[in-house]
Amino acid sequence: MCSVAVINNDLVKHSVSRAVPAVVDAAATLALRALAHVAGDPDLGPRLLDVTGLGVADLRARAADPEVLAAVLGFLAAHEPSLVATARALDVRPQALTAALEALQS
């Protein structure tokens, strides 16, 4: 019986470790969608560049970088109206964007 518990524990650990990359991938995908929305918005795009200090070329080159994606989501999370507007545009709940931020930061 004890060996079954160890096997089950190992299976649980293995399942959790396999799920984490999937969560991060989903978070990155949502963050890329948010970035596309922000970049196309005439008010949010320039403000993102100003707040983050990123240039257009740097943003393009590093768009898939988890740190940049987290910065985009952090930018949105810091201003609730922008967060809500972006969530609405992406047809997700604002909490999905903040959860994606947390996943990318972990």
PDB file of N, CA and C in Angstrom:
ATOM      1  N   MET A   1       0.805  -1.180   0.000  1.00  0.00           N
ATOM      2  CA  MET A   1       0.000   0.000   0.000  1.00  0.00           C
ATOM      3  C   MET A   1       0.858   1.259   0.000  1.00  0.00           C
ATOM      4  N   CYS A   2       1.921   1.234   0.698  1.00  0.00           N
ATOM      5  CA  CYS A   2       2.795   2.401   0.770  1.00  0.00           C
ATOM      6  C   CYS A   2       3.379   2.714  -0.603  1.00  0.00           C
ATOM      7  N   SER A   3       3.754   1.701  -1.372  1.00  0.00           N
ATOM      8  CA  SER A   3       4.324   1.944  -2.693  1.00  0.00           C
ATOM      9  C   SER A   3       3.286   2.552  -3.633  1.00  0.00           C
ATOM     10  N   VAL A   4       2.016   2.204  -3.455  1.00  0.00           N
ATOM     11  CA  VAL A   4       0.967   2.800  -4.280  1.00  0.00           C
ATOM     12  C   VAL A   4       0.860   4.296  -3.991  1.00  0.00           C
ATOM     13  N   ALA A   5       0.958   4.648  -2.719  1.00  0.00           N
ATOM     14  CA  ALA A   5       0.901   6.062  -2.355  1.00  0.00           C
ATOM     15  C   ALA A   5       2.056   6.828  -2.982  1.00  0.00           C
ATOM     16  N   VAL A   6       3.236   6.233  -2.983  1.00  0.00           N
ATOM     17  CA  VAL A   6       4.389   6.890  -3.595  1.00  0.00           C
ATOM     18  C   VAL A   6       4.179   7.026  -5.090  1.00  0.00           C
ATOM     19  N   ILE A   7       3.672   5.972  -5.710  1.00  0.00           N
ATOM     20  CA  ILE A   7       3.423   6.043  -7.151  1.00  0.00           C
ATOM     21  C   ILE A   7       2.392   7.123  -7.443  1.00  0.00           C
ATOM     22  N   ASN A   8       1.301   7.164  -6.682  1.00  0.00           N
ATOM     23  CA  ASN A   8       0.287   8.183  -6.902  1.00  0.00           C
ATOM     24  C   ASN A   8       0.849   9.579  -6.674  1.00  0.00           C
ATOM     25  N   ASN A   9       1.678   9.739  -5.651  1.00  0.00           N
ATOM     26  CA  ASN A   9       2.295  11.028  -5.385  1.00  0.00           C
ATOM     27  C   ASN A   9       3.184  11.441  -6.552  1.00  0.00           C
ATOM     28  N   ASP A  10       3.963  10.494  -7.084  1.00  0.00           N
ATOM     29  CA  ASP A  10       4.809  10.787  -8.234  1.00  0.00           C
ATOM     30  C   ASP A  10       3.961  11.170  -9.448  1.00  0.00           C
ATOM     31  N   LEU A  11       2.831  10.486  -9.626  1.00  0.00           N
ATOM     32  CA  LEU A  11       1.958  10.814 -10.743  1.00  0.00           C
ATOM     33  C   LEU A  11       1.382  12.215 -10.582  1.00  0.00           C
ATOM     34  N   VAL A  12       1.007  12.565  -9.382  1.00  0.00           N
ATOM     35  CA  VAL A  12       0.480  13.902  -9.134  1.00  0.00           C
ATOM     36  C   VAL A  12       1.552  14.942  -9.421  1.00  0.00           C
ATOM     37  N   LYS A  13       2.758  14.720  -8.919  1.00  0.00           N
ATOM     38  CA  LYS A  13       3.844  15.675  -9.171  1.00  0.00           C
ATOM     39  C   LYS A  13       4.113  15.799 -10.659  1.00  0.00           C
ATOM     40  N   HIS A  14       4.116  14.664 -11.368  1.00  0.00           N
ATOM     41  CA  HIS A  14       4.373  14.678 -12.797  1.00  0.00           C
ATOM     42  C   HIS A  14       3.265  15.440 -13.529  1.00  0.00           C
ATOM     43  N   SER A  15       2.021  15.222 -13.152  1.00  0.00           N
ATOM     44  CA  SER A  15       0.904  15.906 -13.793  1.00  0.00           C
ATOM     45  C   SER A  15       0.977  17.410 -13.577  1.00  0.00           C
ATOM     46  N   VAL A  16       1.307  17.809 -12.366  1.00  0.00           N
ATOM     47  CA  VAL A  16       1.398  19.236 -12.063  1.00  0.00           C
ATOM     48  C   VAL A  16       2.538  19.868 -12.848  1.00  0.00           C
ATOM     49  N   SER A  17       3.680  19.211 -12.903  1.00  0.00           N
ATOM     50  CA  SER A  17       4.811  19.796 -13.620  1.00  0.00           C
ATOM     51  C   SER A  17       4.529  19.886 -15.116  1.00  0.00           C
ATOM     52  N   ARG A  18       3.703  18.993 -15.648  1.00  0.00           N
ATOM     53  CA  ARG A  18       3.345  19.065 -17.063  1.00  0.00           C
ATOM     54  C   ARG A  18       2.306  20.150 -17.317  1.00  0.00           C
ATOM     55  N   ALA A  19       1.495  20.452 -16.332  1.00  0.00           N
ATOM     56  CA  ALA A  19       0.451  21.455 -16.509  1.00  0.00           C
ATOM     57  C   ALA A  19       1.010  22.870 -16.474  1.00  0.00           C
ATOM     58  N   VAL A  20       2.043  23.092 -15.718  1.00  0.00           N
ATOM     59  CA  VAL A  20       2.584  24.448 -15.562  1.00  0.00           C
ATOM     60  C   VAL A  20       3.011  25.051 -16.897  1.00  0.00           C
ATOM     61  N   PRO A  21       3.771  24.344 -17.741  1.00  0.00           N
ATOM     62  CA  PRO A  21       4.109  24.942 -19.038  1.00  0.00           C
ATOM     63  C   PRO A  21       2.869  25.277 -19.873  1.00  0.00           C
ATOM     64  N   ALA A  22       1.833  24.465 -19.772  1.00  0.00           N
ATOM     65  CA  ALA A  22       0.608  24.751 -20.516  1.00  0.00           C
ATOM     66  C   ALA A  22      -0.039  26.036 -20.016  1.00  0.00           C
ATOM     67  N   VAL A  23      -0.010  26.252 -18.719  1.00  0.00           N
ATOM     68  CA  VAL A  23      -0.568  27.485 -18.145  1.00  0.00           C
ATOM     69  C   VAL A  23       0.239  28.687 -18.603  1.00  0.00           C
ATOM     70  N   VAL A  24       1.548  28.556 -18.591  1.00  0.00           N
ATOM     71  CA  VAL A  24       2.415  29.659 -19.026  1.00  0.00           C
ATOM     72  C   VAL A  24       2.210  29.925 -20.517  1.00  0.00           C
ATOM     73  N   ASP A  25       2.062  28.873 -21.310  1.00  0.00           N
ATOM     74  CA  ASP A  25       1.812  29.058 -22.745  1.00  0.00           C
ATOM     75  C   ASP A  25       0.490  29.788 -22.979  1.00  0.00           C
ATOM     76  N   ALA A  26      -0.540  29.402 -22.240  1.00  0.00           N
ATOM     77  CA  ALA A  26      -1.840  30.070 -22.374  1.00  0.00           C
ATOM     78  C   ALA A  26      -1.737  31.528 -21.936  1.00  0.00           C
ATOM     79  N   ALA A  27      -0.985  31.771 -20.875  1.00  0.00           N
ATOM     80  CA  ALA A  27      -0.789  33.144 -20.393  1.00  0.00           C
ATOM     81  C   ALA A  27      -0.050  33.975 -21.439  1.00  0.00           C
ATOM     82  N   ALA A  28       0.967  33.392 -22.038  1.00  0.00           N
ATOM     83  CA  ALA A  28       1.735  34.106 -23.063  1.00  0.00           C
ATOM     84  C   ALA A  28       0.866  34.401 -24.280  1.00  0.00           C
ATOM     85  N   THR A  29       0.029  33.462 -24.651  1.00  0.00           N
ATOM     86  CA  THR A  29      -0.866  33.674 -25.790  1.00  0.00           C
ATOM     87  C   THR A  29      -1.835  34.813 -25.508  1.00  0.00           C
ATOM     88  N   LEU A  30      -2.410  34.820 -24.318  1.00  0.00           N
ATOM     89  CA  LEU A  30      -3.323  35.902 -23.947  1.00  0.00           C
ATOM     90  C   LEU A  30      -2.583  37.233 -23.886  1.00  0.00           C
ATOM     91  N   ALA A  31      -1.374  37.218 -23.361  1.00  0.00           N
ATOM     92  CA  ALA A  31      -0.581  38.446 -23.285  1.00  0.00           C
ATOM     93  C   ALA A  31      -0.232  38.964 -24.677  1.00  0.00           C
ATOM     94  N   LEU A  32       0.053  38.078 -25.614  1.00  0.00           N
ATOM     95  CA  LEU A  32       0.320  38.507 -26.994  1.00  0.00           C
ATOM     96  C   LEU A  32      -0.922  39.132 -27.621  1.00  0.00           C
ATOM     97  N   ARG A  33      -2.067  38.567 -27.324  1.00  0.00           N
ATOM     98  CA  ARG A  33      -3.325  39.156 -27.812  1.00  0.00           C
ATOM     99  C   ARG A  33      -3.518  40.547 -27.210  1.00  0.00           C
ATOM    100  N   ALA A  34      -3.213  40.673 -25.920  1.00  0.00           N
ATOM    101  CA  ALA A  34      -3.327  41.969 -25.261  1.00  0.00           C
ATOM    102  C   ALA A  34      -2.344  42.963 -25.874  1.00  0.00           C
ATOM    103  N   LEU A  35      -1.131  42.513 -26.132  1.00  0.00           N
ATOM    104  CA  LEU A  35      -0.130  43.382 -26.753  1.00  0.00           C
ATOM    105  C   LEU A  35      -0.614  43.863 -28.122  1.00  0.00           C
ATOM    106  N   ALA A  36      -1.177  42.974 -28.912  1.00  0.00           N
ATOM    107  CA  ALA A  36      -1.685  43.372 -30.226  1.00  0.00           C
ATOM    108  C   ALA A  36      -2.784  44.426 -30.087  1.00  0.00           C
ATOM    109  N   HIS A  37      -3.648  44.240 -29.109  1.00  0.00           N
ATOM    110  CA  HIS A  37      -4.709  45.230 -28.884  1.00  0.00           C
ATOM    111  C   HIS A  37      -4.117  46.578 -28.467  1.00  0.00           C
ATOM    112  N   VAL A  38      -3.221  46.537 -27.499  1.00  0.00           N
ATOM    113  CA  VAL A  38      -2.616  47.777 -26.997  1.00  0.00           C
ATOM    114  C   VAL A  38      -1.852  48.489 -28.108  1.00  0.00           C
ATOM    115  N   ALA A  39      -1.075  47.731 -28.881  1.00  0.00           N
ATOM    116  CA  ALA A  39      -0.273  48.334 -29.949  1.00  0.00           C
ATOM    117  C   ALA A  39      -1.147  48.995 -31.007  1.00  0.00           C
ATOM    118  N   GLY A  40      -2.330  48.454 -31.223  1.00  0.00           N
ATOM    119  CA  GLY A  40      -3.226  49.015 -32.222  1.00  0.00           C
ATOM    120  C   GLY A  40      -4.113  50.137 -31.713  1.00  0.00           C
ATOM    121  N   ASP A  41      -4.071  50.386 -30.431  1.00  0.00           N
ATOM    122  CA  ASP A  41      -4.901  51.428 -29.846  1.00  0.00           C
ATOM    123  C   ASP A  41      -4.141  52.755 -29.874  1.00  0.00           C
ATOM    124  N   PRO A  42      -4.748  53.812 -30.419  1.00  0.00           N
ATOM    125  CA  PRO A  42      -4.025  55.082 -30.560  1.00  0.00           C
ATOM    126  C   PRO A  42      -3.647  55.750 -29.232  1.00  0.00           C
ATOM    127  N   ASP A  43      -4.343  55.404 -28.150  1.00  0.00           N
ATOM    128  CA  ASP A  43      -4.004  55.978 -26.845  1.00  0.00           C
ATOM    129  C   ASP A  43      -3.097  55.046 -26.040  1.00  0.00           C
ATOM    130  N   LEU A  44      -3.454  53.760 -26.009  1.00  0.00           N
ATOM    131  CA  LEU A  44      -2.697  52.812 -25.187  1.00  0.00           C
ATOM    132  C   LEU A  44      -1.297  52.529 -25.735  1.00  0.00           C
ATOM    133  N   GLY A  45      -1.169  52.419 -27.045  1.00  0.00           N
ATOM    134  CA  GLY A  45       0.130  52.088 -27.640  1.00  0.00           C
ATOM    135  C   GLY A  45       1.233  53.056 -27.243  1.00  0.00           C
ATOM    136  N   PRO A  46       1.047  54.343 -27.506  1.00  0.00           N
ATOM    137  CA  PRO A  46       2.083  55.303 -27.111  1.00  0.00           C
ATOM    138  C   PRO A  46       2.316  55.345 -25.598  1.00  0.00           C
ATOM    139  N   ARG A  47       1.228  55.190 -24.830  1.00  0.00           N
ATOM    140  CA  ARG A  47       1.381  55.205 -23.377  1.00  0.00           C
ATOM    141  C   ARG A  47       2.193  54.003 -22.902  1.00  0.00           C
ATOM    142  N   LEU A  48       1.978  52.828 -23.504  1.00  0.00           N
ATOM    143  CA  LEU A  48       2.775  51.645 -23.160  1.00  0.00           C
ATOM    144  C   LEU A  48       4.253  51.907 -23.410  1.00  0.00           C
ATOM    145  N   LEU A  49       4.573  52.488 -24.551  1.00  0.00           N
ATOM    146  CA  LEU A  49       5.972  52.778 -24.870  1.00  0.00           C
ATOM    147  C   LEU A  49       6.563  53.769 -23.873  1.00  0.00           C
ATOM    148  N   ASP A  50       5.800  54.779 -23.524  1.00  0.00           N
ATOM    149  CA  ASP A  50       6.285  55.771 -22.557  1.00  0.00           C
ATOM    150  C   ASP A  50       6.513  55.161 -21.180  1.00  0.00           C
ATOM    151  N   VAL A  51       5.558  54.389 -20.722  1.00  0.00           N
ATOM    152  CA  VAL A  51       5.628  53.840 -19.363  1.00  0.00           C
ATOM    153  C   VAL A  51       6.716  52.771 -19.244  1.00  0.00           C
ATOM    154  N   THR A  52       6.831  51.912 -20.246  1.00  0.00           N
ATOM    155  CA  THR A  52       7.801  50.814 -20.172  1.00  0.00           C
ATOM    156  C   THR A  52       9.202  51.226 -20.618  1.00  0.00           C
ATOM    157  N   GLY A  53       9.296  52.308 -21.377  1.00  0.00           N
ATOM    158  CA  GLY A  53      10.596  52.713 -21.894  1.00  0.00           C
ATOM    159  C   GLY A  53      11.040  51.901 -23.101  1.00  0.00           C
ATOM    160  N   LEU A  54      10.181  51.039 -23.587  1.00  0.00           N
ATOM    161  CA  LEU A  54      10.513  50.236 -24.765  1.00  0.00           C
ATOM    162  C   LEU A  54      10.321  51.066 -26.023  1.00  0.00           C
ATOM    163  N   GLY A  55      11.164  50.811 -26.995  1.00  0.00           N
ATOM    164  CA  GLY A  55      10.982  51.408 -28.302  1.00  0.00           C
ATOM    165  C   GLY A  55      10.197  50.455 -29.181  1.00  0.00           C
ATOM    166  N   VAL A  56       9.697  50.951 -30.294  1.00  0.00           N
ATOM    167  CA  VAL A  56       8.909  50.119 -31.194  1.00  0.00           C
ATOM    168  C   VAL A  56       9.728  48.925 -31.684  1.00  0.00           C
ATOM    169  N   ALA A  57      10.959  49.161 -32.099  1.00  0.00           N
ATOM    170  CA  ALA A  57      11.798  48.068 -32.607  1.00  0.00           C
ATOM    171  C   ALA A  57      12.093  47.045 -31.518  1.00  0.00           C
ATOM    172  N   ASP A  58      12.370  47.526 -30.318  1.00  0.00           N
ATOM    173  CA  ASP A  58      12.643  46.619 -29.200  1.00  0.00           C
ATOM    174  C   ASP A  58      11.405  45.794 -28.857  1.00  0.00           C
ATOM    175  N   LEU A  59      10.257  46.440 -28.879  1.00  0.00           N
ATOM    176  CA  LEU A  59       9.009  45.737 -28.585  1.00  0.00           C
ATOM    177  C   LEU A  59       8.748  44.651 -29.625  1.00  0.00           C
ATOM    178  N   ARG A  60       8.958  44.963 -30.880  1.00  0.00           N
ATOM    179  CA  ARG A  60       8.782  43.951 -31.938  1.00  0.00           C
ATOM    180  C   ARG A  60       9.751  42.795 -31.763  1.00  0.00           C
ATOM    181  N   ALA A  61      11.001  43.113 -31.475  1.00  0.00           N
ATOM    182  CA  ALA A  61      12.027  42.069 -31.357  1.00  0.00           C
ATOM    183  C   ALA A  61      11.802  41.179 -30.142  1.00  0.00           C
ATOM    184  N   ARG A  62      11.216  41.739 -29.094  1.00  0.00           N
ATOM    185  CA  ARG A  62      11.070  40.992 -27.838  1.00  0.00           C
ATOM    186  C   ARG A  62       9.623  40.658 -27.506  1.00  0.00           C
ATOM    187  N   ALA A  63       8.738  40.707 -28.491  1.00  0.00           N
ATOM    188  CA  ALA A  63       7.307  40.523 -28.242  1.00  0.00           C
ATOM    189  C   ALA A  63       6.979  39.183 -27.588  1.00  0.00           C
ATOM    190  N   ALA A  64       7.752  38.159 -27.829  1.00  0.00           N
ATOM    191  CA  ALA A  64       7.479  36.843 -27.238  1.00  0.00           C
ATOM    192  C   ALA A  64       8.210  36.630 -25.911  1.00  0.00           C
ATOM    193  N   ASP A  65       8.995  37.588 -25.487  1.00  0.00           N
ATOM    194  CA  ASP A  65       9.753  37.488 -24.240  1.00  0.00           C
ATOM    195  C   ASP A  65       8.781  37.574 -23.052  1.00  0.00           C
ATOM    196  N   PRO A  66       8.803  36.581 -22.162  1.00  0.00           N
ATOM    197  CA  PRO A  66       7.883  36.601 -21.015  1.00  0.00           C
ATOM    198  C   PRO A  66       7.985  37.877 -20.169  1.00  0.00           C
ATOM    199  N   GLU A  67       9.176  38.458 -20.074  1.00  0.00           N
ATOM    200  CA  GLU A  67       9.322  39.706 -19.313  1.00  0.00           C
ATOM    201  C   GLU A  67       8.577  40.858 -19.985  1.00  0.00           C
ATOM    202  N   VAL A  68       8.641  40.922 -21.288  1.00  0.00           N
ATOM    203  CA  VAL A  68       7.936  41.971 -22.021  1.00  0.00           C
ATOM    204  C   VAL A  68       6.429  41.740 -21.931  1.00  0.00           C
ATOM    205  N   LEU A  69       6.012  40.486 -22.080  1.00  0.00           N
ATOM    206  CA  LEU A  69       4.586  40.172 -21.979  1.00  0.00           C
ATOM    207  C   LEU A  69       4.056  40.500 -20.586  1.00  0.00           C
ATOM    208  N   ALA A  70       4.843  40.201 -19.575  1.00  0.00           N
ATOM    209  CA  ALA A  70       4.447  40.551 -18.203  1.00  0.00           C
ATOM    210  C   ALA A  70       4.381  42.069 -18.045  1.00  0.00           C
ATOM    211  N   ALA A  71       5.300  42.787 -18.676  1.00  0.00           N
ATOM    212  CA  ALA A  71       5.279  44.251 -18.599  1.00  0.00           C
ATOM    213  C   ALA A  71       4.008  44.814 -19.233  1.00  0.00           C
ATOM    214  N   VAL A  72       3.581  44.228 -20.332  1.00  0.00           N
ATOM    215  CA  VAL A  72       2.349  44.666 -20.992  1.00  0.00           C
ATOM    216  C   VAL A  72       1.156  44.439 -20.068  1.00  0.00           C
ATOM    217  N   LEU A  73       1.081  43.243 -19.493  1.00  0.00           N
ATOM    218  CA  LEU A  73      -0.035  42.942 -18.595  1.00  0.00           C
ATOM    219  C   LEU A  73       0.043  43.781 -17.315  1.00  0.00           C
ATOM    220  N   GLY A  74       1.244  44.031 -16.829  1.00  0.00           N
ATOM    221  CA  GLY A  74       1.414  44.897 -15.660  1.00  0.00           C
ATOM    222  C   GLY A  74       0.973  46.319 -15.953  1.00  0.00           C
ATOM    223  N   PHE A  75       1.288  46.780 -17.141  1.00  0.00           N
ATOM    224  CA  PHE A  75       0.850  48.104 -17.601  1.00  0.00           C
ATOM    225  C   PHE A  75      -0.677  48.195 -17.559  1.00  0.00           C
ATOM    226  N   LEU A  76      -1.335  47.165 -18.053  1.00  0.00           N
ATOM    227  CA  LEU A  76      -2.801  47.151 -18.050  1.00  0.00           C
ATOM    228  C   LEU A  76      -3.355  47.050 -16.633  1.00  0.00           C
ATOM    229  N   ALA A  77      -2.743  46.189 -15.821  1.00  0.00           N
ATOM    230  CA  ALA A  77      -3.226  45.977 -14.454  1.00  0.00           C
ATOM    231  C   ALA A  77      -3.104  47.248 -13.609  1.00  0.00           C
ATOM    232  N   ALA A  78      -2.147  48.100 -13.958  1.00  0.00           N
ATOM    233  CA  ALA A  78      -1.934  49.330 -13.189  1.00  0.00           C
ATOM    234  C   ALA A  78      -2.988  50.399 -13.474  1.00  0.00           C
ATOM    235  N   HIS A  79      -3.769  50.200 -14.519  1.00  0.00           N
ATOM    236  CA  HIS A  79      -4.795  51.186 -14.880  1.00  0.00           C
ATOM    237  C   HIS A  79      -6.079  50.431 -15.205  1.00  0.00           C
ATOM    238  N   GLU A  80      -6.958  50.361 -14.209  1.00  0.00           N
ATOM    239  CA  GLU A  80      -8.158  49.522 -14.332  1.00  0.00           C
ATOM    240  C   GLU A  80      -8.995  49.808 -15.581  1.00  0.00           C
ATOM    241  N   PRO A  81      -9.213  51.069 -15.964  1.00  0.00           N
ATOM    242  CA  PRO A  81      -9.994  51.288 -17.191  1.00  0.00           C
ATOM    243  C   PRO A  81      -9.342  50.658 -18.429  1.00  0.00           C
ATOM    244  N   SER A  82      -8.026  50.695 -18.509  1.00  0.00           N
ATOM    245  CA  SER A  82      -7.333  50.063 -19.638  1.00  0.00           C
ATOM    246  C   SER A  82      -7.444  48.553 -19.562  1.00  0.00           C
ATOM    247  N   LEU A  83      -7.345  48.018 -18.362  1.00  0.00           N
ATOM    248  CA  LEU A  83      -7.482  46.577 -18.155  1.00  0.00           C
ATOM    249  C   LEU A  83      -8.862  46.110 -18.588  1.00  0.00           C
ATOM    250  N   VAL A  84      -9.884  46.813 -18.144  1.00  0.00           N
ATOM    251  CA  VAL A  84     -11.267  46.436 -18.464  1.00  0.00           C
ATOM    252  C   VAL A  84     -11.531  46.585 -19.962  1.00  0.00           C
ATOM    253  N   ALA A  85     -11.062  47.669 -20.557  1.00  0.00           N
ATOM    254  CA  ALA A  85     -11.276  47.888 -21.988  1.00  0.00           C
ATOM    255  C   ALA A  85     -10.581  46.812 -22.822  1.00  0.00           C
ATOM    256  N   THR A  86      -9.375  46.449 -22.430  1.00  0.00           N
ATOM    257  CA  THR A  86      -8.645  45.416 -23.161  1.00  0.00           C
ATOM    258  C   THR A  86      -9.318  44.067 -22.987  1.00  0.00           C
ATOM    259  N   ALA A  87      -9.736  43.760 -21.782  1.00  0.00           N
ATOM    260  CA  ALA A  87     -10.443  42.493 -21.542  1.00  0.00           C
ATOM    261  C   ALA A  87     -11.705  42.429 -22.396  1.00  0.00           C
ATOM    262  N   ARG A  88     -12.427  43.516 -22.434  1.00  0.00           N
ATOM    263  CA  ARG A  88     -13.646  43.562 -23.247  1.00  0.00           C
ATOM    264  C   ARG A  88     -13.311  43.339 -24.724  1.00  0.00           C
ATOM    265  N   ALA A  89     -12.267  43.987 -25.203  1.00  0.00           N
ATOM    266  CA  ALA A  89     -11.873  43.842 -26.612  1.00  0.00           C
ATOM    267  C   ALA A  89     -11.448  42.414 -26.942  1.00  0.00           C
ATOM    268  N   LEU A  90     -10.856  41.747 -25.961  1.00  0.00           N
ATOM    269  CA  LEU A  90     -10.395  40.365 -26.172  1.00  0.00           C
ATOM    270  C   LEU A  90     -11.459  39.333 -25.815  1.00  0.00           C
ATOM    271  N   ASP A  91     -12.588  39.799 -25.317  1.00  0.00           N
ATOM    272  CA  ASP A  91     -13.696  38.936 -24.895  1.00  0.00           C
ATOM    273  C   ASP A  91     -13.266  37.963 -23.800  1.00  0.00           C
ATOM    274  N   VAL A  92     -12.551  38.513 -22.804  1.00  0.00           N
ATOM    275  CA  VAL A  92     -12.156  37.747 -21.615  1.00  0.00           C
ATOM    276  C   VAL A  92     -12.485  38.596 -20.392  1.00  0.00           C
ATOM    277  N   ARG A  93     -12.450  37.976 -19.241  1.00  0.00           N
ATOM    278  CA  ARG A  93     -12.646  38.720 -17.997  1.00  0.00           C
ATOM    279  C   ARG A  93     -11.333  39.411 -17.621  1.00  0.00           C
ATOM    280  N   PRO A  94     -11.386  40.564 -16.978  1.00  0.00           N
ATOM    281  CA  PRO A  94     -10.153  41.226 -16.543  1.00  0.00           C
ATOM    282  C   PRO A  94      -9.281  40.315 -15.674  1.00  0.00           C
ATOM    283  N   GLN A  95      -9.926  39.457 -14.888  1.00  0.00           N
ATOM    284  CA  GLN A  95      -9.182  38.529 -14.031  1.00  0.00           C
ATOM    285  C   GLN A  95      -8.330  37.566 -14.849  1.00  0.00           C
ATOM    286  N   ALA A  96      -8.726  37.280 -16.069  1.00  0.00           N
ATOM    287  CA  ALA A  96      -7.916  36.407 -16.924  1.00  0.00           C
ATOM    288  C   ALA A  96      -6.584  37.079 -17.255  1.00  0.00           C
ATOM    289  N   LEU A  97      -6.631  38.380 -17.462  1.00  0.00           N
ATOM    290  CA  LEU A  97      -5.398  39.114 -17.758  1.00  0.00           C
ATOM    291  C   LEU A  97      -4.487  39.185 -16.533  1.00  0.00           C
ATOM    292  N   THR A  98      -5.069  39.416 -15.370  1.00  0.00           N
ATOM    293  CA  THR A  98      -4.233  39.470 -14.164  1.00  0.00           C
ATOM    294  C   THR A  98      -3.702  38.089 -13.795  1.00  0.00           C
ATOM    295  N   ALA A  99      -4.486  37.044 -14.051  1.00  0.00           N
ATOM    296  CA  ALA A  99      -3.997  35.673 -13.809  1.00  0.00           C
ATOM    297  C   ALA A  99      -2.856  35.342 -14.769  1.00  0.00           C
ATOM    298  N   ALA A 100      -2.967  35.813 -16.000  1.00  0.00           N
ATOM    299  CA  ALA A 100      -1.879  35.596 -16.961  1.00  0.00           C
ATOM    300  C   ALA A 100      -0.613  36.314 -16.502  1.00  0.00           C
ATOM    301  N   LEU A 101      -0.771  37.507 -15.973  1.00  0.00           N
ATOM    302  CA  LEU A 101       0.375  38.239 -15.420  1.00  0.00           C
ATOM    303  C   LEU A 101       1.055  37.418 -14.328  1.00  0.00           C
ATOM    304  N   GLU A 102       0.269  36.902 -13.407  1.00  0.00           N
ATOM    305  CA  GLU A 102       0.826  36.088 -12.321  1.00  0.00           C
ATOM    306  C   GLU A 102       1.547  34.849 -12.849  1.00  0.00           C
ATOM    307  N   ALA A 103       0.974  34.212 -13.849  1.00  0.00           N
ATOM    308  CA  ALA A 103       1.595  33.014 -14.428  1.00  0.00           C
ATOM    309  C   ALA A 103       2.927  33.347 -15.093  1.00  0.00           C
ATOM    310  N   LEU A 104       2.991  34.479 -15.770  1.00  0.00           N
ATOM    311  CA  LEU A 104       4.227  34.864 -16.438  1.00  0.00           C
ATOM    312  C   LEU A 104       5.300  35.299 -15.454  1.00  0.00           C
ATOM    313  N   GLN A 105       4.898  35.803 -14.301  1.00  0.00           N
ATOM    314  CA  GLN A 105       5.866  36.250 -13.308  1.00  0.00           C
ATOM    315  C   GLN A 105       6.383  35.110 -12.439  1.00  0.00           C
ATOM    316  N   SER A 106       5.741  33.959 -12.485  1.00  0.00           N
ATOM    317  CA  SER A 106       6.173  32.858 -11.617  1.00  0.00           C
ATOM    318  C   SER A 106       7.220  31.987 -12.266  1.00  0.00           C
TER     319      SER A 106
END
